Protein backbone atom coordinates (compact mmCIF):
# COMPACT_ATOMS: atom_id res chain seq x y z
CA UNK A 1 30.63 5.44 18.69
CA UNK A 2 27.09 4.53 18.92
CA UNK A 3 26.08 4.78 22.83
CA UNK A 4 27.79 8.27 22.11
CA UNK A 5 25.57 9.35 19.67
CA UNK A 6 22.95 8.36 21.34
CA UNK A 7 23.93 10.49 24.57
CA UNK A 8 24.20 13.26 22.14
CA UNK A 9 20.66 12.79 20.87
CA UNK A 10 19.37 12.83 24.03
CA UNK A 11 21.32 15.73 25.19
CA UNK A 12 20.06 17.96 21.87
CA UNK A 13 16.39 16.68 22.22
CA UNK A 14 15.05 19.19 24.13
CA UNK A 15 15.87 21.98 21.72
CA UNK A 16 14.04 20.28 18.76
CA UNK A 17 10.91 21.46 18.38
CA UNK A 18 10.36 22.70 15.17
CA UNK A 19 7.07 21.26 13.33
CA UNK A 20 6.78 19.50 9.93
CA UNK A 21 3.87 18.07 7.94
CA UNK A 22 3.78 14.67 7.32
CA UNK A 23 4.10 12.91 4.16
CA UNK A 24 1.81 10.84 2.73
CA UNK A 25 3.56 8.39 0.20
CA UNK A 26 1.21 6.98 -2.77
CA UNK A 27 2.68 3.57 -4.57
CA UNK A 28 3.32 4.67 -7.78
CA UNK A 29 6.38 3.44 -9.18
CA UNK A 30 5.47 4.32 -13.24
CA UNK A 31 4.60 7.69 -12.18
CA UNK A 32 7.51 8.41 -10.01
CA UNK A 33 9.97 6.92 -12.50
CA UNK A 34 8.18 9.22 -15.20
CA UNK A 35 9.01 12.28 -12.74
CA UNK A 36 12.51 11.15 -12.52
CA UNK A 37 12.74 11.92 -16.01
CA UNK A 38 11.05 14.84 -16.18
CA UNK A 39 12.22 16.47 -12.77
CA UNK A 40 12.80 20.26 -13.21
CA UNK A 41 16.22 20.62 -11.24
CA UNK A 42 18.91 18.14 -9.72
CA UNK A 43 17.75 18.92 -6.53
CA UNK A 44 14.06 17.69 -7.16
CA UNK A 45 15.68 14.64 -9.03
CA UNK A 46 17.09 13.51 -5.47
CA UNK A 47 14.02 13.78 -3.83
CA UNK A 48 12.52 11.91 -6.28
CA UNK A 49 14.54 9.24 -6.34
CA UNK A 50 14.36 8.89 -2.98
CA UNK A 51 10.86 8.36 -2.90
CA UNK A 52 10.80 6.07 -5.80
CA UNK A 53 13.46 3.96 -3.64
CA UNK A 54 11.57 3.67 -0.76
CA UNK A 55 8.08 2.55 -2.87
CA UNK A 56 9.97 -0.04 -4.52
CA UNK A 57 11.40 -1.23 -0.70
CA UNK A 58 8.61 -4.65 -1.00
CA UNK A 59 8.14 -4.41 -5.02
CA UNK A 60 11.45 -4.81 -5.88
CA UNK A 61 14.29 -4.27 -3.44
CA UNK A 62 17.25 -4.84 -5.52
CA UNK A 63 15.94 -2.07 -7.53
CA UNK A 64 15.09 0.02 -4.40
CA UNK A 65 18.70 -0.20 -3.49
CA UNK A 66 19.98 0.98 -6.78
CA UNK A 67 17.85 3.83 -7.14
CA UNK A 68 18.41 4.80 -3.42
CA UNK A 69 22.68 4.95 -4.21
CA UNK A 70 21.67 6.64 -7.65
CA UNK A 71 20.09 9.86 -5.46
CA UNK A 72 23.00 9.43 -2.79
CA UNK A 73 25.52 9.96 -5.82
CA UNK A 74 23.67 13.11 -6.87
CA UNK A 75 23.10 14.43 -3.38
CA UNK A 76 26.64 14.51 -2.63
CA UNK A 77 27.59 15.79 -6.03
CA UNK A 78 25.14 18.67 -5.24
CA UNK A 79 26.15 18.63 -1.43
CA UNK A 80 22.62 18.71 -0.96
CA UNK A 81 21.68 17.91 2.71
CA UNK A 82 18.65 17.14 3.38
CA UNK A 83 18.60 14.47 0.03
CA UNK A 84 21.46 13.19 1.48
CA UNK A 85 19.94 12.24 4.59
CA UNK A 86 16.97 11.07 3.18
CA UNK A 87 19.23 8.80 0.91
CA UNK A 88 20.78 7.15 3.92
CA UNK A 89 17.53 6.47 5.32
CA UNK A 90 16.07 4.81 2.30
CA UNK A 91 19.25 3.08 1.87
CA UNK A 92 19.11 1.78 5.80
CA UNK A 93 15.40 0.57 5.47
CA UNK A 94 15.84 -1.55 2.05
CA UNK A 95 19.16 -2.55 3.67
CA UNK A 96 16.82 -4.15 6.82
CA UNK A 97 14.52 -5.63 4.27
CA UNK A 98 16.97 -7.36 2.44
CA UNK A 99 18.62 -8.49 5.61
CA UNK A 100 21.87 -6.80 5.13
CA UNK A 101 22.06 -5.42 8.49
CA UNK A 102 25.73 -4.02 8.48
CA UNK A 103 25.17 -2.11 5.66
CA UNK A 104 21.86 -1.00 7.26
CA UNK A 105 23.49 0.10 10.46
CA UNK A 106 26.31 2.01 8.68
CA UNK A 107 23.50 3.94 6.21
CA UNK A 108 21.61 4.86 9.48
CA UNK A 109 23.93 6.11 11.35
CA UNK A 110 25.23 8.49 8.86
CA UNK A 111 21.46 9.58 8.29
CA UNK A 112 21.31 10.26 11.79
CA UNK A 113 24.44 12.26 11.98
CA UNK A 114 23.59 14.13 8.93
CA UNK A 115 20.00 14.90 10.01
CA UNK A 116 21.35 16.03 13.52
CA UNK A 117 23.82 18.22 11.84
CA UNK A 118 21.17 20.18 9.42
CA UNK A 119 18.54 19.68 11.91
CA UNK A 120 16.50 17.94 9.57
CA UNK A 121 14.21 16.57 12.50
CA UNK A 122 11.78 14.83 10.12
CA UNK A 123 14.42 12.73 8.60
CA UNK A 124 16.66 12.16 12.02
CA UNK A 125 13.77 11.27 13.90
CA UNK A 126 12.72 8.37 10.97
CA UNK A 127 16.14 7.32 10.92
CA UNK A 128 16.29 7.09 14.54
CA UNK A 129 12.76 5.16 14.58
CA UNK A 130 14.46 2.49 11.91
CA UNK A 131 17.65 2.30 14.04
CA UNK A 132 15.48 0.71 16.59
CA UNK A 133 13.96 -1.52 14.04
CA UNK A 134 17.30 -2.81 12.80
CA UNK A 135 18.28 -3.66 16.73
CA UNK A 136 14.79 -5.07 17.19
CA UNK A 137 15.72 -7.66 13.87
CA UNK A 138 19.35 -8.41 15.84
CA UNK A 139 17.38 -8.87 19.19
CA UNK A 140 19.02 -6.23 20.55
CA UNK A 141 15.67 -5.50 22.17
CA UNK A 142 17.05 -3.12 25.00
CA UNK A 143 18.74 -0.89 22.72
CA UNK A 144 15.13 -1.08 20.26
CA UNK A 145 13.30 -0.14 23.24
CA UNK A 146 16.14 3.12 23.89
CA UNK A 147 15.86 3.99 20.43
CA UNK A 148 12.25 3.79 19.97
CA UNK A 149 11.17 5.78 23.00
CA UNK A 150 13.90 8.76 21.49
CA UNK A 151 12.25 8.33 18.06
CA UNK A 152 8.49 8.68 19.69
CA UNK A 153 9.83 12.09 21.72
CA UNK A 154 10.78 13.74 18.28
CA UNK A 155 7.63 12.29 16.63
CA UNK A 156 6.02 14.11 19.46
CA UNK A 157 7.42 16.99 19.23
CA UNK A 158 6.82 17.30 15.46
CA UNK A 159 3.31 16.51 16.05
CA UNK A 160 3.67 13.54 13.79
CA UNK A 161 0.83 11.05 14.28
CA UNK A 162 2.17 8.56 11.89
CA UNK A 163 5.47 7.85 13.37
CA UNK A 164 3.79 8.02 17.03
CA UNK A 165 1.74 5.32 15.60
CA UNK A 166 4.76 3.37 13.62
CA UNK A 167 6.42 3.63 17.37
CA UNK A 168 3.64 2.10 19.41
CA UNK A 169 2.88 -0.63 16.65
CA UNK A 170 6.73 -2.03 17.00
CA UNK A 171 6.56 -1.55 20.32
CA UNK A 172 3.93 -3.96 20.24
CA UNK A 173 5.57 -6.52 18.03
CA UNK A 174 8.99 -6.20 20.95
CA UNK A 175 6.36 -7.08 23.55
CA UNK A 176 4.54 -9.44 21.51
CA UNK A 177 7.58 -11.44 20.79
CA UNK A 178 8.57 -11.34 24.47
CA UNK A 179 5.19 -13.05 24.72
CA UNK A 180 3.62 -10.45 26.64
CA UNK A 181 0.14 -10.53 24.47
CA UNK A 182 -1.95 -8.12 26.79
CA UNK A 183 0.57 -5.20 26.55
CA UNK A 184 1.03 -5.95 22.89
CA UNK A 185 -2.61 -5.89 22.25
CA UNK A 186 -3.20 -2.42 23.96
CA UNK A 187 0.26 -1.05 21.94
CA UNK A 188 -1.71 -2.28 18.30
CA UNK A 189 -4.83 -1.07 19.60
CA UNK A 190 -3.48 2.47 20.28
CA UNK A 191 -1.73 2.49 17.19
CA UNK A 192 -4.96 1.29 15.46
CA UNK A 193 -6.99 4.39 16.80
CA UNK A 194 -4.30 6.83 15.42
CA UNK A 195 -3.82 5.07 12.38
CA UNK A 196 -7.61 5.43 11.68
CA UNK A 197 -8.12 8.95 12.74
CA UNK A 198 -5.53 10.52 10.18
CA UNK A 199 -6.66 7.65 7.63
CA UNK A 200 -3.44 5.78 7.34
CA UNK A 201 -5.11 2.57 5.64
CA UNK A 202 -1.67 0.71 5.37
CA UNK A 203 -1.27 1.32 9.05
CA UNK A 204 -4.76 0.49 10.07
CA UNK A 205 -4.36 -2.46 7.63
CA UNK A 206 -1.10 -3.42 9.50
CA UNK A 207 -2.62 -3.53 13.05
CA UNK A 208 -5.81 -5.31 12.06
CA UNK A 209 -3.07 -8.12 11.24
CA UNK A 210 -0.90 -7.79 14.56
CA UNK A 211 -3.89 -7.69 16.65
CA UNK A 212 -5.08 -10.90 14.90
CA UNK A 213 -1.46 -12.44 15.84
CA UNK A 214 -2.03 -11.64 19.41
CA UNK A 215 -6.27 -12.64 19.20
CA UNK A 216 -4.58 -15.98 17.85
CA UNK A 217 -1.95 -16.74 20.81
CA UNK A 218 -4.68 -16.05 23.13
CA UNK A 219 -6.99 -18.67 21.73
CA UNK A 220 -9.70 -16.04 20.34
CA UNK A 221 -9.79 -17.61 17.03
CA UNK A 222 -12.95 -15.53 15.84
CA UNK A 223 -11.56 -12.02 17.24
CA UNK A 224 -8.11 -13.17 15.36
CA UNK A 225 -10.38 -14.22 11.81
CA UNK A 226 -12.37 -10.74 12.33
CA UNK A 227 -9.32 -8.97 12.68
CA UNK A 228 -7.55 -10.40 9.07
CA UNK A 229 -10.39 -10.28 7.25
CA UNK A 230 -10.75 -6.81 8.23
CA UNK A 231 -6.82 -6.09 7.19
CA UNK A 232 -7.46 -8.39 4.15
CA UNK A 233 -10.18 -6.46 2.79
CA UNK A 234 -8.35 -3.59 3.06
CA UNK A 235 -5.09 -4.69 1.39
CA UNK A 236 -7.15 -6.28 -1.36
CA UNK A 237 -8.72 -2.86 -1.80
CA UNK A 238 -5.47 -1.14 -2.18
CA UNK A 239 -3.65 -4.10 -4.59
CA UNK A 240 -0.83 -4.40 -1.80
CA UNK A 241 0.14 -7.91 -3.05
CA UNK A 242 2.85 -8.66 -0.33
CA UNK A 243 0.61 -7.53 2.84
CA UNK A 244 -2.51 -9.85 1.05
CA UNK A 245 -0.21 -12.47 0.66
CA UNK A 246 0.88 -12.16 4.63
CA UNK A 247 -2.75 -12.16 5.79
CA UNK A 248 -3.83 -15.26 3.85
CA UNK A 249 -1.41 -17.14 5.35
CA UNK A 250 -2.20 -16.06 9.05
CA UNK A 251 -5.69 -16.75 8.41
CA UNK A 252 -4.53 -20.39 7.46
CA UNK A 253 -2.89 -20.71 10.73
CA UNK A 254 -6.32 -20.03 12.19
CA UNK A 255 -7.42 -22.97 10.00
CA UNK A 256 -4.63 -25.39 10.66
CA UNK A 257 -5.54 -24.31 14.69
CA UNK A 258 -9.00 -25.65 14.12
CA UNK A 259 -7.69 -28.92 12.22
CA UNK A 260 -9.12 -27.73 9.22
CA UNK A 261 -6.16 -28.63 7.08
CA UNK A 262 -7.66 -28.36 3.35
CA UNK A 263 -8.46 -24.64 3.96
CA UNK A 264 -5.30 -24.13 5.89
CA UNK A 265 -3.35 -25.63 2.74
CA UNK A 266 -5.28 -23.65 0.37
CA UNK A 267 -4.61 -20.47 2.06
CA UNK A 268 -0.69 -21.49 2.69
CA UNK A 269 -0.61 -22.24 -1.29
CA UNK A 270 -2.09 -18.35 -2.12
CA UNK A 271 0.05 -16.96 0.33
CA UNK A 272 3.22 -19.01 -0.68
CA UNK A 273 2.66 -17.79 -4.73
CA UNK A 274 2.32 -14.52 -3.94
CA UNK A 275 5.80 -14.70 -1.52
CA UNK A 276 7.25 -15.96 -4.67
CA UNK A 277 6.19 -13.09 -6.79
CA UNK A 278 7.38 -10.50 -4.22
CA UNK A 279 10.31 -11.87 -3.51
CA UNK A 280 9.62 -12.09 0.11
CA UNK A 281 12.25 -14.62 1.56
CA UNK A 282 11.10 -14.65 4.76
CA UNK A 283 7.64 -14.96 3.79
CA UNK A 284 8.32 -17.98 1.70
CA UNK A 285 10.31 -19.86 4.23
CA UNK A 286 7.06 -19.23 6.49
CA UNK A 287 4.68 -20.79 4.27
CA UNK A 288 7.18 -23.74 4.39
CA UNK A 289 7.21 -23.97 7.91
CA UNK A 290 3.25 -23.90 8.26
CA UNK A 291 2.88 -26.08 5.03
CA UNK A 292 4.87 -28.84 6.87
CA UNK A 293 3.00 -28.28 10.20
CA UNK A 294 -0.08 -28.98 8.16
CA UNK A 295 1.33 -32.55 6.49
CA UNK A 296 2.67 -32.95 9.74
CA UNK A 297 -0.89 -33.41 10.84
CA UNK A 298 -2.11 -35.52 7.69
CA UNK A 299 1.04 -37.67 8.88
CA UNK A 300 2.38 -36.85 5.58
CA UNK A 301 6.16 -37.09 7.51
CA UNK A 302 8.09 -36.90 4.04
CA UNK A 303 6.61 -33.89 3.23
CA UNK A 304 6.28 -31.91 6.71
CA UNK A 305 10.38 -33.06 6.41
CA UNK A 306 10.93 -31.92 3.24
CA UNK A 307 8.76 -28.69 3.55
CA UNK A 308 10.77 -27.48 7.16
CA UNK A 309 13.82 -28.22 5.65
CA UNK A 310 13.55 -25.65 2.77
CA UNK A 311 11.85 -23.37 5.60
CA UNK A 312 15.35 -23.43 7.86
CA UNK A 313 17.53 -23.38 4.49
CA UNK A 314 15.86 -19.78 3.55
CA UNK A 315 16.26 -18.74 7.29
CA UNK A 316 19.75 -19.18 7.45
CA UNK A 317 20.40 -17.57 4.29
CA UNK A 318 18.63 -14.50 6.08
CA UNK A 319 19.71 -14.74 9.18
CA UNK A 320 16.43 -15.15 10.78
CA UNK A 321 17.24 -16.31 13.97
CA UNK A 322 13.94 -16.55 15.65
CA UNK A 323 12.55 -18.68 12.50
CA UNK A 324 15.61 -20.70 12.45
CA UNK A 325 14.38 -21.87 16.47
CA UNK A 326 10.97 -22.69 14.97
CA UNK A 327 12.29 -24.34 12.21
CA UNK A 328 14.49 -26.79 14.33
CA UNK A 329 10.97 -26.95 16.90
CA UNK A 330 9.33 -28.33 13.68
CA UNK A 331 12.04 -30.75 12.20
CA UNK A 332 12.02 -32.05 15.39
CA UNK A 333 8.35 -32.73 15.91
CA UNK A 334 8.83 -34.48 12.60
CA UNK A 335 11.58 -37.02 13.99
CA UNK A 336 9.04 -37.50 17.01
CA UNK A 337 6.68 -38.58 15.09
CA UNK A 338 9.25 -41.13 13.48
CA UNK A 339 10.22 -41.93 16.77
CA UNK A 340 13.75 -40.76 16.13
CA UNK A 341 13.37 -39.26 19.85
CA UNK A 342 17.82 -38.77 20.05
CA UNK A 343 17.23 -36.40 17.06
CA UNK A 344 14.13 -34.88 18.27
CA UNK A 345 15.47 -33.75 21.40
CA UNK A 346 18.72 -32.37 20.06
CA UNK A 347 16.94 -30.01 17.70
CA UNK A 348 14.22 -29.41 20.76
CA UNK A 349 17.42 -28.10 22.31
CA UNK A 350 18.56 -26.15 19.48
CA UNK A 351 15.12 -24.34 19.19
CA UNK A 352 15.29 -23.78 23.08
CA UNK A 353 18.48 -21.97 23.11
CA UNK A 354 17.70 -19.85 20.50
CA UNK A 355 14.42 -19.01 22.04
CA UNK A 356 15.85 -18.33 25.20
CA UNK A 357 18.40 -15.74 24.13
CA UNK A 358 15.76 -13.81 22.59
CA UNK A 359 13.43 -14.11 25.75
CA UNK A 360 10.57 -15.88 23.78
CA UNK A 361 8.24 -16.87 26.06
CA UNK A 362 5.94 -18.51 24.06
CA UNK A 363 8.11 -20.21 22.24
CA UNK A 364 10.25 -21.40 25.32
CA UNK A 365 6.83 -22.81 26.81
CA UNK A 366 5.65 -24.59 23.38
CA UNK A 367 9.35 -25.84 23.19
CA UNK A 368 9.36 -26.84 26.85
CA UNK A 369 6.05 -28.66 26.54
CA UNK A 370 7.46 -30.69 23.20
CA UNK A 371 10.59 -31.66 25.29
CA UNK A 372 8.52 -32.67 28.28
CA UNK A 373 6.25 -34.82 25.58
CA UNK A 374 9.19 -36.75 24.27
CA UNK A 375 11.06 -37.48 28.00
CA UNK A 376 6.81 -38.70 28.62
CA UNK A 377 7.49 -41.16 25.81
CA UNK A 378 10.91 -41.67 27.00
CA UNK A 379 9.59 -42.62 30.71
CA UNK A 380 11.40 -40.27 32.15
CA UNK A 381 9.31 -38.41 34.47
CA UNK A 382 11.65 -36.33 36.36
CA UNK A 383 12.84 -34.34 33.21
CA UNK A 384 9.94 -34.07 31.92
CA UNK A 385 8.19 -32.51 34.84
CA UNK A 386 11.20 -29.94 34.44
CA UNK A 387 10.33 -28.99 31.62
CA UNK A 388 6.74 -28.82 32.09
CA UNK A 389 7.14 -26.87 34.95
CA UNK A 390 9.33 -24.20 32.79
CA UNK A 391 6.40 -24.25 30.07
CA UNK A 392 3.60 -23.62 32.24
CA UNK A 393 5.37 -20.95 34.20
CA UNK A 394 6.15 -19.16 30.77
CA UNK A 395 2.21 -19.53 29.13
CA UNK A 396 1.07 -18.68 32.31
CA UNK A 397 3.15 -15.46 31.83
CA UNK A 398 1.78 -15.06 28.21
CA UNK A 399 -1.53 -16.29 28.79
CA UNK A 400 -1.32 -18.78 25.57
CA UNK A 401 -4.28 -20.88 25.94
CA UNK A 402 -2.70 -22.88 23.54
CA UNK A 403 0.19 -23.48 25.34
CA UNK A 404 -1.55 -23.78 28.62
CA UNK A 405 -3.74 -26.76 26.94
CA UNK A 406 -0.68 -28.59 25.97
CA UNK A 407 0.87 -28.34 29.40
CA UNK A 408 -1.89 -29.64 30.95
CA UNK A 409 -2.15 -32.26 28.43
CA UNK A 410 1.26 -33.86 29.29
CA UNK A 411 0.38 -33.26 33.04
CA UNK A 412 -2.34 -35.52 32.44
CA UNK A 413 0.08 -37.82 30.89
CA UNK A 414 2.70 -37.39 34.05
CA UNK A 415 0.02 -38.25 36.32
CA UNK A 416 -1.25 -40.90 34.55
CA UNK A 417 1.92 -42.85 34.82
CA UNK A 418 3.21 -42.00 37.94
CA UNK A 419 -0.11 -43.44 38.94
CA UNK A 420 -1.75 -39.97 41.00
CA UNK A 421 -5.11 -40.54 39.55
CA UNK A 422 -6.44 -37.93 41.46
CA UNK A 423 -4.31 -35.11 40.30
CA UNK A 424 -4.60 -36.73 36.90
CA UNK A 425 -8.73 -36.29 37.12
CA UNK A 426 -7.97 -32.68 37.95
CA UNK A 427 -5.74 -31.90 35.31
CA UNK A 428 -7.75 -33.35 32.69
CA UNK A 429 -10.91 -31.26 33.81
CA UNK A 430 -8.50 -28.12 33.36
CA UNK A 431 -7.46 -29.65 30.08
CA UNK A 432 -11.00 -30.17 28.66
CA UNK A 433 -12.16 -26.70 29.82
CA UNK A 434 -9.37 -24.68 28.18
CA UNK A 435 -9.51 -26.77 25.27
CA UNK A 436 -13.19 -25.93 25.16
CA UNK A 437 -12.93 -22.54 25.50
CA UNK A 438 -11.38 -22.25 22.04
CA UNK A 439 -12.97 -24.94 20.02
CA UNK A 440 -16.62 -24.59 21.49
CA UNK A 441 -19.40 -24.20 19.49
CA UNK A 442 -20.06 -20.60 19.45
CA UNK A 443 -16.35 -20.03 18.87
CA UNK A 444 -16.86 -22.19 15.63
CA UNK A 445 -20.15 -20.18 14.91
CA UNK A 446 -18.17 -17.29 15.24
CA UNK A 447 -15.28 -17.65 12.67
CA UNK A 448 -18.08 -19.27 10.42
CA UNK A 449 -19.33 -15.65 10.85
CA UNK A 450 -16.05 -13.72 10.24
CA UNK A 451 -15.61 -15.59 6.98
CA UNK A 452 -19.09 -15.65 5.70
CA UNK A 453 -19.14 -11.46 6.92
CA UNK A 454 -15.90 -11.24 4.66
CA UNK A 455 -17.06 -13.34 1.89
CA UNK A 456 -20.24 -10.94 1.66
CA UNK A 457 -18.53 -7.57 2.13
CA UNK A 458 -16.76 -8.82 -0.69
CA UNK A 459 -19.11 -9.99 -3.04
CA UNK A 460 -20.85 -6.74 -1.53
CA UNK A 461 -17.80 -4.46 -2.82
CA UNK A 462 -17.71 -6.61 -6.29
CA UNK A 463 -21.15 -5.47 -6.68
CA UNK A 464 -20.44 -1.73 -5.87
CA UNK A 465 -17.45 -1.66 -8.00
CA UNK A 466 -19.60 -3.50 -10.97
CA UNK A 467 -22.35 -1.06 -10.27
CA UNK A 468 -20.00 1.95 -10.25
CA UNK A 469 -18.33 0.62 -13.30
CA UNK A 470 -22.04 0.44 -14.82
CA UNK A 471 -22.68 3.90 -13.51
CA UNK A 472 -19.65 5.39 -15.35
CA UNK A 473 -20.24 3.62 -18.53
CA UNK A 474 -24.07 5.57 -18.52
CA UNK A 475 -22.74 8.69 -17.67
CA UNK A 476 -19.90 8.38 -19.88
CA UNK A 477 -23.29 7.67 -22.28
CA UNK A 478 -25.11 10.57 -21.45
CA UNK A 479 -21.96 12.80 -21.60
CA UNK A 480 -21.87 11.63 -25.34
CA UNK A 481 -25.47 12.17 -26.32
CA UNK A 482 -24.99 15.79 -24.65
CA UNK A 483 -21.85 16.59 -26.81
CA UNK A 484 -23.82 15.31 -29.99
CA UNK A 485 -26.83 16.83 -28.58
CA UNK A 486 -24.88 20.09 -28.23
CA UNK A 487 -22.90 19.37 -31.22
CA UNK A 488 -26.20 19.31 -33.46
CA UNK A 489 -27.59 22.17 -31.53
CA UNK A 490 -24.50 24.51 -32.41
CA UNK A 491 -24.66 23.37 -36.02
CA UNK A 492 -28.13 24.17 -36.51
CA UNK A 493 -27.89 27.85 -34.97
CA UNK A 494 -24.72 27.97 -37.30
CA UNK A 495 -27.03 26.86 -40.33
CA UNK A 496 -29.85 29.43 -38.74
CA UNK A 497 -27.49 32.10 -38.44
CA UNK A 498 -25.85 31.59 -42.06
CA UNK A 499 -29.46 31.35 -43.38
CA UNK A 500 -30.59 34.86 -41.63
CA UNK A 501 -27.57 36.47 -43.04
CA UNK A 502 -28.02 35.04 -46.55
CA UNK A 503 -31.63 36.46 -46.22
CA UNK A 504 -30.63 39.27 -45.13
CA UNK A 505 -28.28 39.72 -48.06
CA UNK A 506 -30.80 39.01 -50.09
CA UNK A 507 -33.15 41.66 -48.75
CA UNK A 508 -30.39 44.24 -49.08
CA UNK A 509 -29.57 42.88 -52.31
CA UNK A 510 -33.32 43.17 -53.54
CA UNK A 511 -33.35 46.72 -52.15
CA UNK A 512 -29.95 47.98 -54.04
CA UNK A 513 -31.77 46.01 -57.32
CA UNK A 514 -34.75 47.86 -56.97
CA UNK A 515 -32.99 51.31 -56.36
CA UNK A 516 -30.95 50.46 -59.41
CA UNK A 517 -33.74 50.00 -61.99
CA UNK A 518 -35.42 53.35 -60.44
CA UNK A 519 -32.41 55.17 -61.20
CA UNK A 520 -31.52 53.85 -64.34
CA UNK A 521 -35.26 54.40 -65.49
CA UNK A 522 -34.73 58.07 -64.13
CA UNK A 523 -31.65 58.15 -66.36
CA UNK A 524 -33.19 56.48 -69.44
CA UNK A 525 -36.06 59.26 -68.80
CA UNK A 526 -33.75 62.14 -68.45
CA UNK A 527 -31.55 60.51 -71.66
CA UNK A 528 -34.75 60.64 -73.45
CA UNK A 529 -35.65 64.17 -72.58
CA UNK A 530 -32.15 65.34 -73.66
CA UNK A 531 -32.32 63.35 -76.78
CA UNK A 532 -35.84 64.93 -77.57
CA UNK A 533 -34.62 68.27 -76.88
CA UNK A 534 -31.45 67.35 -79.33
CA UNK A 535 -33.93 66.40 -81.74
CA UNK A 536 -35.88 69.55 -81.70
CA UNK A 537 -32.38 71.30 -81.71
CA UNK A 538 -31.65 69.85 -84.87
CA UNK A 539 -35.16 69.99 -86.38
CA UNK A 540 -34.86 74.25 -85.69
CA UNK A 541 -31.34 74.12 -86.58
CA UNK A 542 -32.33 72.49 -90.15
CA UNK A 543 -35.24 74.68 -90.51
CA UNK A 544 -32.56 77.97 -89.98
CA UNK A 545 -30.28 76.69 -92.01
CA UNK A 546 -32.76 76.19 -95.09
CA UNK A 547 -33.89 79.91 -94.70
CA UNK A 548 -30.04 81.24 -94.75
CA UNK A 549 -29.28 79.19 -97.91
CA UNK A 550 -32.71 80.81 -99.69
CA UNK A 551 -31.59 84.42 -98.55
CA UNK A 552 -28.02 83.89 -99.71
CA UNK A 553 -29.23 82.81 -102.80
CA UNK A 554 -31.61 85.70 -103.14
CA UNK A 555 -28.89 88.48 -102.17
CA UNK A 556 -26.43 86.58 -104.51
CA UNK A 557 -28.78 86.88 -107.26
CA UNK A 558 -29.64 90.54 -105.97
CA UNK A 559 -26.12 91.10 -106.09
CA UNK A 560 -25.59 90.08 -109.76
CA UNK A 561 -28.60 91.84 -111.66
CA UNK A 562 -27.34 95.06 -109.97
CA UNK A 563 -23.80 94.63 -111.45
């Protein structure tokens, strides 16, 4: 079934050339939860649930799986193909993070099938990429490379630069695990350049961290610290707790390599706290493992063994084969210090078998050096030389200075015990030259400068943020003062307007009153004239009435006299 799909996808690939824009996801789980509740329709709800599930992958992976299943159920109910493919992809990604590889395999194959059937190219490319990551987690290197190359072709056709960078970085992990450090460094650097160009800060931080790991194996400690601190600054600024924990852990490894046990333990303890808070079991195991190595360097054998056993238990629980091989190797180191050589050899052999199965050249070199060390102690020089040759050959292939140094150190002991003092002196000079190339004064100075630069940058960043805070407060105060000023000015203009209106009304009223008074005076004058006329007429009337009575009186009298 799997092979059939691979051939089908290779056959279909030349026809898939539709471009889609990149998705820029912001880690705002709370906002996404609110968006789920306020989704305008069920299709939008499915998309938001898928995004939320992805964002929960590091913060709360179990909750992420629950949210992903909710998205899947709703997408199936709606027969929403894009949402269905996305849900399968998210569940596959979350299952890989939870080390549930069988579930991841089922989900991702369904994501690929659904994406291909519906020509959902972006989801298809991402699903193939994640299937490659699953294969890598299962130590299926050949299958992983095939899938990564296929995903890369799709990402190129989509012009998806982030996807291309992700493939480069993942291929770099494969090369790093194989011990091909220079090839890994090339791939990581390519990924870094792409991510910087598209301003993918999360990818930039991851690339810096991985480049630091390679430089650590190559013995370039100052360069490793430069990249670790670059990653740490980005992750602290973004509040990426899981990433901060990983970088602190890696910085601790550098201090440990420099025999600065106190600084190493301090960084491991901080990393362990973060790993526990984020429920990062693989990270917790790594911290216990690293602390065990420091305890061994301090000759605290009981604490060292306890730490390594805790790491082994977690790694077996999450089926981390590479981690299990490291734990066997480190438990054997403690047993060697306790002079329990039989148990030490048995655990070294267990570790070597796993490393050979995964073709981990660096791990093979380190474990073979340890086996040679035990046989040198047991004076079995024949077996010691067999393992030394194997260790040195793999160390030369990877270019790991640490493993080359360990090989020459063992060769010096073999030469001394065999009585070949000429070869012993030559090997000792080579050993010193390699050792000094790592631990010389200049490199120590550079490493210190990297730490000081990080501290200075961090202080400068804190001062910048504090100044921005002060500026924001000052600006807020200015805005407040402007608002108050505008309010007072507005109120003043309002009062002035009201006063002008009142004064205008007063003038109009006064004018009206004058007019009314004038009219009143005219009316009173007219009224007086009318009254005077009336009075005058009445006097005339009265005078006339008096004459009439007089005449009437005389007429009456005359009539009487005539009778």
